[in-house]
Protein backbone atom coordinates (compact mmCIF):
# COMPACT_ATOMS: atom_id res chain seq x y z
CA MET A 1 0.00 0.00 0.00
CA ARG A 2 1.80 3.10 -1.24
CA SER A 3 0.30 6.43 -0.34
CA HIS A 4 0.01 9.17 -2.92
CA PRO A 5 3.38 10.98 -3.18
CA LYS A 6 1.75 14.40 -2.97
CA ILE A 7 -0.09 13.49 0.23
CA ALA A 8 3.08 11.97 1.70
CA LYS A 9 4.99 15.16 0.92
CA ASN A 10 2.29 17.31 2.53
CA ASP A 11 2.35 15.09 5.63
CA PHE A 12 6.12 15.45 5.82
CA LEU A 13 5.91 19.24 5.53
CA ALA A 14 3.20 19.35 8.19
CA LEU A 15 5.31 17.19 10.50
CA THR A 16 8.40 19.34 10.05
CA ARG A 17 6.34 22.45 10.72
CA ILE A 18 4.92 20.92 13.92
CA LEU A 19 8.42 19.87 15.00
CA CYS A 20 9.73 23.39 14.41
CA ILE A 21 6.91 24.88 16.50
CA LEU A 22 7.49 22.36 19.30
CA GLN A 23 11.23 23.03 19.24
CA LYS A 24 10.64 26.78 19.54
CA LYS A 25 8.24 26.23 22.45
CA LEU A 26 10.77 23.97 24.18
CA GLN A 27 13.54 26.52 23.69
CA ARG A 28 11.30 29.23 25.13
CA LYS A 29 10.56 27.03 28.17
CA VAL A 30 14.28 26.42 28.70
CA VAL A 31 14.96 30.16 28.51
CA ASP A 32 12.14 30.81 30.99
CA LEU A 33 13.60 28.24 33.39
CA GLU A 34 17.06 29.81 33.12
CA GLU A 35 15.60 33.27 33.79
CA ILE A 36 13.73 31.96 36.83
CA GLN A 37 16.93 30.34 38.17
CA LEU A 38 18.89 33.58 37.67
CA PHE A 39 16.11 35.55 39.32
CA SER A 40 16.00 33.21 42.32
CA ILE A 41 19.79 33.45 42.69
CA TYR A 42 19.69 37.26 42.79
CA THR A 43 16.79 37.51 45.26
């Protein structure tokens, strides 16, 4: 069962887009955590 190449390509693009968004969210969370740690050190 081979899926239609066009659909497969669209799925791949959608997946990469989702991964990019997730990665950005994760990076933002990491930055937030680092800022909180710095803030707690200084207070």
